[in-house]
Amino acid sequence: MRPSIRLLLLAMTLIACKQEGDEINTIVEVESNPIESLDTIPKVTGIGGIFFKSSSPEEMKEWYRDNLGLAVDDYGSPFEFRNANRPDEVNYLNWDLFADSTSYFDPSEREFMINYRVQNMEGLVRKLKNNGVTILDAIATYDYGKFVHILDVDGNKIELWEPVDSVLTKIGRQTTK
């Protein structure tokens, strides 16, 4: 399809979506695939971390290292995987243990917390607020991504993370693969 026709169709789609109040996806021209789209809908895109409490976190890390082969360090074990939409891109999921006495999972009374990878953090937080979801803190921004914490309907604390995986790659931690 010729570029001018594509732009016209894109403009008509954007106008139609705006009139319907729908979220809008941005189309990006990429040399290798001119019709590849960059999805910007605020949503979860995967698991970013699995965290749970232990009465003996260091001993548990050693157990997982020695018995299951996890590459562990002071921050847990980063699992390396490839992005399904961009296979050359390395992404990460972090597994970690916290002491039973941690307040990091508060106000949840659960022994675990899941971290979800998200796209468009600001848009997702707006959507969650509009849906009456409890937002526990403001979006915090670091070199390796943005974070915010919410509660689900059962009171489980959830960590949302919009990652910058390239920064984690530069750090060079040993990963579990």
Protein backbone atom coordinates (compact mmCIF):
# COMPACT_ATOMS: atom_id res chain seq x y z
CA MET A 1 0.00 0.00 0.00
CA ARG A 2 1.35 3.44 -0.88
CA PRO A 3 2.49 5.59 2.08
CA SER A 4 -0.03 8.38 1.39
CA ILE A 5 -2.95 5.93 1.41
CA ARG A 6 -1.60 4.33 4.59
CA LEU A 7 -1.41 7.73 6.30
CA LEU A 8 -4.95 8.57 5.20
CA LEU A 9 -6.24 5.24 6.57
CA LEU A 10 -4.32 5.80 9.82
CA ALA A 11 -5.80 9.29 10.22
CA MET A 12 -9.32 7.96 9.58
CA THR A 13 -8.76 5.16 12.12
CA LEU A 14 -7.45 7.58 14.74
CA ILE A 15 -10.43 9.87 14.26
CA ALA A 16 -12.84 6.93 14.52
CA CYS A 17 -11.12 5.63 17.67
CA LYS A 18 -11.08 9.09 19.24
CA GLN A 19 -14.81 9.45 18.59
CA GLU A 20 -15.43 6.05 20.21
CA GLY A 21 -13.16 6.86 23.18
CA ASP A 22 -10.96 3.83 22.52
CA GLU A 23 -7.26 3.60 23.31
CA ILE A 24 -5.17 4.29 20.22
CA ASN A 25 -2.25 2.25 18.91
CA THR A 26 0.57 4.10 17.20
CA ILE A 27 1.79 2.78 13.86
CA VAL A 28 5.55 3.05 13.44
CA GLU A 29 7.38 2.61 10.16
CA VAL A 30 10.30 0.22 10.61
CA GLU A 31 12.80 -0.55 7.84
CA SER A 32 12.54 -4.33 8.26
CA ASN A 33 8.73 -4.33 8.42
CA PRO A 34 6.96 -1.16 7.26
CA ILE A 35 3.64 -2.13 8.85
CA GLU A 36 4.96 -3.22 12.27
CA SER A 37 2.94 -1.51 15.00
CA LEU A 38 4.11 -0.31 18.38
CA ASP A 39 1.33 -1.17 20.79
CA THR A 40 0.81 1.60 23.35
CA ILE A 41 -2.39 0.37 24.98
CA PRO A 42 -1.95 0.53 28.77
CA LYS A 43 -1.75 -3.12 29.83
CA VAL A 44 0.27 -5.92 31.40
CA THR A 45 2.71 -7.54 28.95
CA GLY A 46 4.14 -10.31 31.15
CA ILE A 47 5.53 -11.29 34.53
CA GLY A 48 8.35 -9.07 35.79
CA GLY A 49 9.04 -10.69 39.14
CA ILE A 50 8.04 -13.24 41.72
CA PHE A 51 8.76 -12.35 45.33
CA PHE A 52 8.00 -14.30 48.48
CA LYS A 53 8.79 -14.30 52.16
CA SER A 54 11.14 -16.73 53.89
CA SER A 55 12.23 -17.23 57.46
CA SER A 56 15.76 -17.65 56.10
CA PRO A 57 16.15 -15.85 52.73
CA GLU A 58 19.90 -16.40 52.32
CA GLU A 59 19.66 -20.11 53.13
CA MET A 60 16.74 -20.42 50.69
CA LYS A 61 18.71 -18.67 47.93
CA GLU A 62 21.56 -21.13 48.48
CA TRP A 63 19.10 -24.04 48.37
CA TYR A 64 17.63 -22.82 45.05
CA ARG A 65 21.14 -22.25 43.67
CA ASP A 66 22.50 -25.65 44.77
CA ASN A 67 19.43 -27.76 44.01
CA LEU A 68 17.68 -26.03 41.12
CA GLY A 69 20.58 -24.20 39.47
CA LEU A 70 19.33 -20.64 39.87
CA ALA A 71 21.93 -17.91 39.42
CA VAL A 72 21.42 -15.98 42.67
CA ASP A 73 22.92 -12.79 44.07
CA ASP A 74 21.93 -10.16 46.64
CA TYR A 75 18.91 -9.21 44.50
CA GLY A 76 17.60 -12.72 43.81
CA SER A 77 17.81 -14.43 40.44
CA PRO A 78 17.17 -12.67 37.15
CA PHE A 79 15.64 -14.95 34.53
CA GLU A 80 16.58 -13.96 31.00
CA PHE A 81 14.17 -14.39 28.10
CA ARG A 82 13.57 -12.97 24.63
CA ASN A 83 10.87 -10.50 23.72
CA ALA A 84 8.29 -12.29 21.55
CA ASN A 85 7.79 -9.21 19.34
CA ARG A 86 11.50 -8.31 19.12
CA PRO A 87 13.47 -11.59 19.45
CA ASP A 88 16.84 -9.79 19.50
CA GLU A 89 15.80 -7.96 22.69
CA VAL A 90 16.67 -9.54 26.05
CA ASN A 91 14.06 -9.13 28.81
CA TYR A 92 14.14 -10.09 32.47
CA LEU A 93 11.99 -11.56 35.23
CA ASN A 94 13.38 -11.30 38.76
CA TRP A 95 12.83 -13.95 41.44
CA ASP A 96 13.68 -12.94 45.00
CA LEU A 97 13.15 -13.79 48.65
CA PHE A 98 12.39 -11.37 51.47
CA ALA A 99 12.63 -11.87 55.22
CA ASP A 100 9.36 -12.76 56.96
CA SER A 101 9.61 -9.44 58.81
CA THR A 102 9.62 -7.32 55.62
CA SER A 103 7.09 -4.53 55.36
CA TYR A 104 7.62 -4.33 51.57
CA PHE A 105 4.49 -6.41 50.90
CA ASP A 106 2.31 -4.24 53.21
CA PRO A 107 -0.57 -3.62 53.40
CA SER A 108 -1.10 -7.13 51.96
CA GLU A 109 -0.93 -9.95 54.48
CA ARG A 110 0.17 -12.45 51.82
CA GLU A 111 3.51 -14.25 51.75
CA PHE A 112 4.11 -13.31 48.11
CA MET A 113 3.96 -10.47 45.63
CA ILE A 114 3.84 -10.62 41.84
CA ASN A 115 5.47 -7.97 39.68
CA TYR A 116 3.88 -7.48 36.26
CA ARG A 117 5.68 -5.98 33.27
CA VAL A 118 3.51 -3.23 31.76
CA GLN A 119 3.52 -0.79 28.90
CA ASN A 120 2.31 2.82 29.15
CA MET A 121 2.48 3.09 32.94
CA GLU A 122 0.86 6.52 33.11
CA GLY A 123 -2.06 5.41 30.93
CA LEU A 124 -2.50 2.24 32.98
CA VAL A 125 -2.53 4.15 36.29
CA ARG A 126 -5.17 6.53 34.88
CA LYS A 127 -7.26 3.52 33.79
CA LEU A 128 -6.86 1.84 37.19
CA LYS A 129 -7.87 5.03 39.04
CA ASN A 130 -10.94 5.38 36.79
CA ASN A 131 -11.84 1.76 37.65
CA GLY A 132 -11.58 2.44 41.40
CA VAL A 133 -8.43 0.33 41.93
CA THR A 134 -6.42 1.16 45.06
CA ILE A 135 -3.15 2.81 44.02
CA LEU A 136 -0.69 2.61 46.94
CA ASP A 137 1.95 5.09 45.81
CA ALA A 138 3.03 7.46 43.07
CA ILE A 139 4.89 6.22 40.02
CA ALA A 140 8.59 5.98 40.89
CA THR A 141 11.10 6.29 38.04
CA TYR A 142 14.58 4.73 38.00
CA ASP A 143 17.14 4.09 35.26
CA TYR A 144 15.77 0.55 34.86
CA GLY A 145 12.09 1.48 34.72
CA LYS A 146 8.98 2.85 36.37
CA PHE A 147 7.19 1.26 39.33
CA VAL A 148 3.87 1.62 41.13
CA HIS A 149 2.04 -0.60 43.61
CA ILE A 150 -1.67 -1.45 43.64
CA LEU A 151 -4.05 -3.81 45.47
CA ASP A 152 -6.27 -6.35 43.76
CA VAL A 153 -9.78 -7.14 45.05
CA ASP A 154 -8.40 -9.76 47.50
CA GLY A 155 -5.94 -7.27 48.99
CA ASN A 156 -2.86 -8.72 47.28
CA LYS A 157 -0.18 -6.12 46.70
CA ILE A 158 0.89 -6.04 43.05
CA GLU A 159 3.98 -4.32 41.74
CA LEU A 160 3.70 -2.87 38.23
CA TRP A 161 6.95 -2.29 36.33
CA GLU A 162 7.51 -0.57 33.00
CA PRO A 163 11.03 -1.90 32.37
CA VAL A 164 14.07 -0.50 30.63
CA ASP A 165 15.69 -3.87 29.99
CA SER A 166 18.72 -2.41 28.21
CA VAL A 167 19.91 -0.92 31.52
CA LEU A 168 19.65 -4.33 33.20
CA THR A 169 21.61 -5.87 30.33
CA LYS A 170 24.39 -3.30 30.84
CA ILE A 171 24.59 -4.16 34.55
CA GLY A 172 25.59 -7.66 33.51
CA ARG A 173 24.27 -9.80 36.37
CA GLN A 174 24.58 -13.54 35.93
CA THR A 175 21.17 -14.76 34.79
CA THR A 176 19.17 -17.95 35.04
CA LYS A 177 18.38 -19.28 31.55
